[in-house]
Amino acid sequence: MSDALLTLLRYCFLALLLIFLSRVVLVVVREMRASRPLTVKPRPGEQRERAPRDTSRSRTSRGWQLVVVEPPDSAGRRYLLAAENTVGRAPGCTIPIDDNFISSIHVRLFIADGKLFAEDAGSTNGTSVNESLITGTQPLSRGDRIAIGGTVLEVQR
């Protein structure tokens, strides 16, 4: 091979390596910003229904909470909900859950007009409410069960 061709191949390899490293840095930065409110883009061809946003300045849950039902070793653990919540494995989540089948940021829970809503955050394994996989924004009621990974949470008020 000629020296010019080898030099060109080296530069191409270096460019690909830089692109890869920039993507890794981007993912790490997004993971570190997990405590910020999450914006989920709809998948191509998917239309999401928009839930009303809470216009009050109150950050309290007005009594909404999640109770762990499964696994048995965590059963009974309670999480009080704020106006905006993220559930996942990331330490920056409002509700961090240690479960290998849960994404870093798995589901977003928020309160709007006194009602609780769930929105899957593009998780790998999906989010189920009352054994039905959700897409888009799903309103929740007292007694609903949210299944993420091997963890089941019950909505209480």
Protein backbone atom coordinates (compact mmCIF):
# COMPACT_ATOMS: atom_id res chain seq x y z
CA MET A 1 0.00 0.00 0.00
CA SER A 2 1.15 3.50 -0.68
CA ASP A 3 2.02 5.94 2.11
CA ALA A 4 -0.76 8.30 1.03
CA LEU A 5 -3.41 5.57 1.33
CA LEU A 6 -2.15 4.52 4.77
CA THR A 7 -2.21 8.13 5.96
CA LEU A 8 -5.78 8.55 4.66
CA LEU A 9 -6.88 5.36 6.46
CA ARG A 10 -5.28 6.58 9.70
CA TYR A 11 -7.18 9.88 9.49
CA CYS A 12 -10.45 8.05 8.79
CA PHE A 13 -9.87 5.78 11.78
CA LEU A 14 -9.06 8.80 13.95
CA ALA A 15 -12.26 10.55 12.81
CA LEU A 16 -14.39 7.49 13.64
CA LEU A 17 -12.73 7.22 17.04
CA LEU A 18 -13.50 10.89 17.78
CA ILE A 19 -17.14 10.44 16.74
CA PHE A 20 -17.44 7.43 19.04
CA LEU A 21 -15.88 9.25 21.98
CA SER A 22 -18.13 12.28 21.49
CA ARG A 23 -21.21 10.02 21.60
CA VAL A 24 -19.96 8.41 24.83
CA VAL A 25 -19.42 11.83 26.41
CA LEU A 26 -22.91 12.91 25.31
CA VAL A 27 -24.50 9.86 26.96
CA VAL A 28 -22.53 10.43 30.18
CA VAL A 29 -23.59 14.08 30.31
CA ARG A 30 -27.24 13.11 29.83
CA GLU A 31 -27.00 10.55 32.64
CA MET A 32 -25.47 13.13 34.96
CA ARG A 33 -28.34 15.53 34.28
CA ALA A 34 -30.91 12.90 35.29
CA SER A 35 -32.27 15.06 38.10
CA ARG A 36 -33.58 17.66 35.64
CA PRO A 37 -37.14 17.31 34.33
CA LEU A 38 -37.19 14.74 31.57
CA THR A 39 -38.45 15.46 28.07
CA VAL A 40 -39.33 12.39 26.06
CA LYS A 41 -39.53 12.62 22.30
CA PRO A 42 -42.20 10.46 20.67
CA ARG A 43 -41.02 7.65 18.45
CA PRO A 44 -41.48 8.18 14.70
CA GLY A 45 -45.14 7.71 13.79
CA GLU A 46 -46.25 7.80 17.44
CA GLN A 47 -48.55 10.52 18.63
CA ARG A 48 -48.58 11.24 22.34
CA GLU A 49 -51.50 12.70 24.14
CA ARG A 50 -50.59 15.74 26.18
CA ALA A 51 -51.59 15.83 29.79
CA PRO A 52 -52.47 19.15 31.37
CA ARG A 53 -49.59 20.80 33.22
CA ASP A 54 -49.90 21.91 36.80
CA THR A 55 -49.77 25.69 36.81
CA SER A 56 -49.59 26.03 40.58
CA ARG A 57 -46.23 26.71 42.16
CA SER A 58 -46.73 24.02 44.77
CA ARG A 59 -44.15 21.22 44.65
CA THR A 60 -46.03 18.96 47.06
CA SER A 61 -47.75 15.76 46.07
CA ARG A 62 -51.07 16.49 47.77
CA GLY A 63 -50.94 13.01 49.29
CA TRP A 64 -49.82 10.88 46.33
CA GLN A 65 -47.36 8.12 47.15
CA LEU A 66 -45.98 4.87 45.78
CA VAL A 67 -45.71 1.70 47.85
CA VAL A 68 -43.47 -1.19 46.80
CA VAL A 69 -45.50 -4.41 46.45
CA GLU A 70 -42.80 -6.61 44.88
CA PRO A 71 -40.08 -7.83 45.38
CA PRO A 72 -40.84 -9.12 48.88
CA ASP A 73 -37.59 -7.85 50.41
CA SER A 74 -38.56 -4.23 49.53
CA ALA A 75 -42.32 -4.60 50.08
CA GLY A 76 -43.89 -1.82 52.12
CA ARG A 77 -41.30 0.84 51.24
CA ARG A 78 -43.10 4.14 50.63
CA TYR A 79 -42.14 7.03 48.36
CA LEU A 80 -43.92 10.38 48.68
CA LEU A 81 -44.37 11.98 45.27
CA ALA A 82 -43.44 15.53 44.34
CA ALA A 83 -44.93 17.42 41.39
CA GLU A 84 -42.22 15.93 39.10
CA ASN A 85 -40.66 12.50 39.71
CA THR A 86 -38.32 10.17 37.88
CA VAL A 87 -38.04 6.48 38.69
CA GLY A 88 -34.98 4.47 37.69
CA ARG A 89 -31.56 3.11 38.61
CA ALA A 90 -29.72 6.44 38.24
CA PRO A 91 -28.73 8.03 41.55
CA GLY A 92 -30.19 11.34 40.34
CA CYS A 93 -33.71 9.90 40.11
CA THR A 94 -36.32 11.13 42.58
CA ILE A 95 -37.15 7.48 43.27
CA PRO A 96 -34.01 5.36 42.80
CA ILE A 97 -34.72 1.63 42.60
CA ASP A 98 -31.96 -0.98 42.49
CA ASP A 99 -33.23 -3.45 39.89
CA ASN A 100 -31.13 -4.67 36.96
CA PHE A 101 -34.18 -4.73 34.66
CA ILE A 102 -34.97 -1.05 35.21
CA SER A 103 -33.45 1.61 32.95
CA SER A 104 -31.39 4.47 34.37
CA ILE A 105 -34.42 6.71 33.93
CA HIS A 106 -37.35 4.36 33.43
CA VAL A 107 -40.58 6.26 34.00
CA ARG A 108 -41.63 9.83 34.72
CA LEU A 109 -44.46 10.51 37.16
CA PHE A 110 -45.97 13.97 37.46
CA ILE A 111 -48.94 15.67 39.03
CA ALA A 112 -51.06 18.04 36.96
CA ASP A 113 -54.32 19.58 38.15
CA GLY A 114 -54.25 17.28 41.19
CA LYS A 115 -54.10 14.14 39.01
CA LEU A 116 -51.17 11.75 38.74
CA PHE A 117 -49.75 10.77 35.34
CA ALA A 118 -47.12 8.25 34.23
CA GLU A 119 -44.99 8.50 31.11
CA ASP A 120 -42.48 5.86 30.03
CA ALA A 121 -39.08 7.49 29.51
CA GLY A 122 -38.08 5.33 26.55
CA SER A 123 -37.09 2.43 28.78
CA THR A 124 -35.75 -0.80 27.34
CA ASN A 125 -38.28 -3.12 28.99
CA GLY A 126 -41.28 -0.77 29.05
CA THR A 127 -43.66 0.27 31.81
CA SER A 128 -46.93 -1.49 32.61
CA VAL A 129 -49.90 -0.06 34.47
CA ASN A 130 -52.34 -2.73 35.68
CA GLU A 131 -50.59 -5.29 33.43
CA SER A 132 -51.02 -3.15 30.28
CA LEU A 133 -47.93 -1.73 28.59
CA ILE A 134 -48.23 2.06 28.36
CA THR A 135 -47.32 4.32 25.48
CA GLY A 136 -47.47 8.05 25.86
CA THR A 137 -48.98 9.63 28.96
CA GLN A 138 -51.19 7.47 31.18
CA PRO A 139 -53.42 8.88 33.96
CA LEU A 140 -53.15 6.96 37.24
CA SER A 141 -55.67 6.33 40.01
CA ARG A 142 -55.44 5.10 43.57
CA GLY A 143 -54.76 1.35 43.60
CA ASP A 144 -53.14 1.22 40.15
CA ARG A 145 -50.08 -0.99 39.95
CA ILE A 146 -47.01 0.13 38.02
CA ALA A 147 -44.67 -2.69 36.96
CA ILE A 148 -41.12 -1.76 35.96
CA GLY A 149 -38.55 -4.51 35.67
CA GLY A 150 -39.06 -6.90 38.58
CA THR A 151 -40.54 -4.17 40.78
CA VAL A 152 -44.25 -3.50 41.28
CA LEU A 153 -45.37 -0.20 42.82
CA GLU A 154 -48.91 0.60 43.97
CA VAL A 155 -50.33 4.13 43.74
CA GLN A 156 -51.86 5.37 46.98
CA ARG A 157 -53.33 8.66 48.06
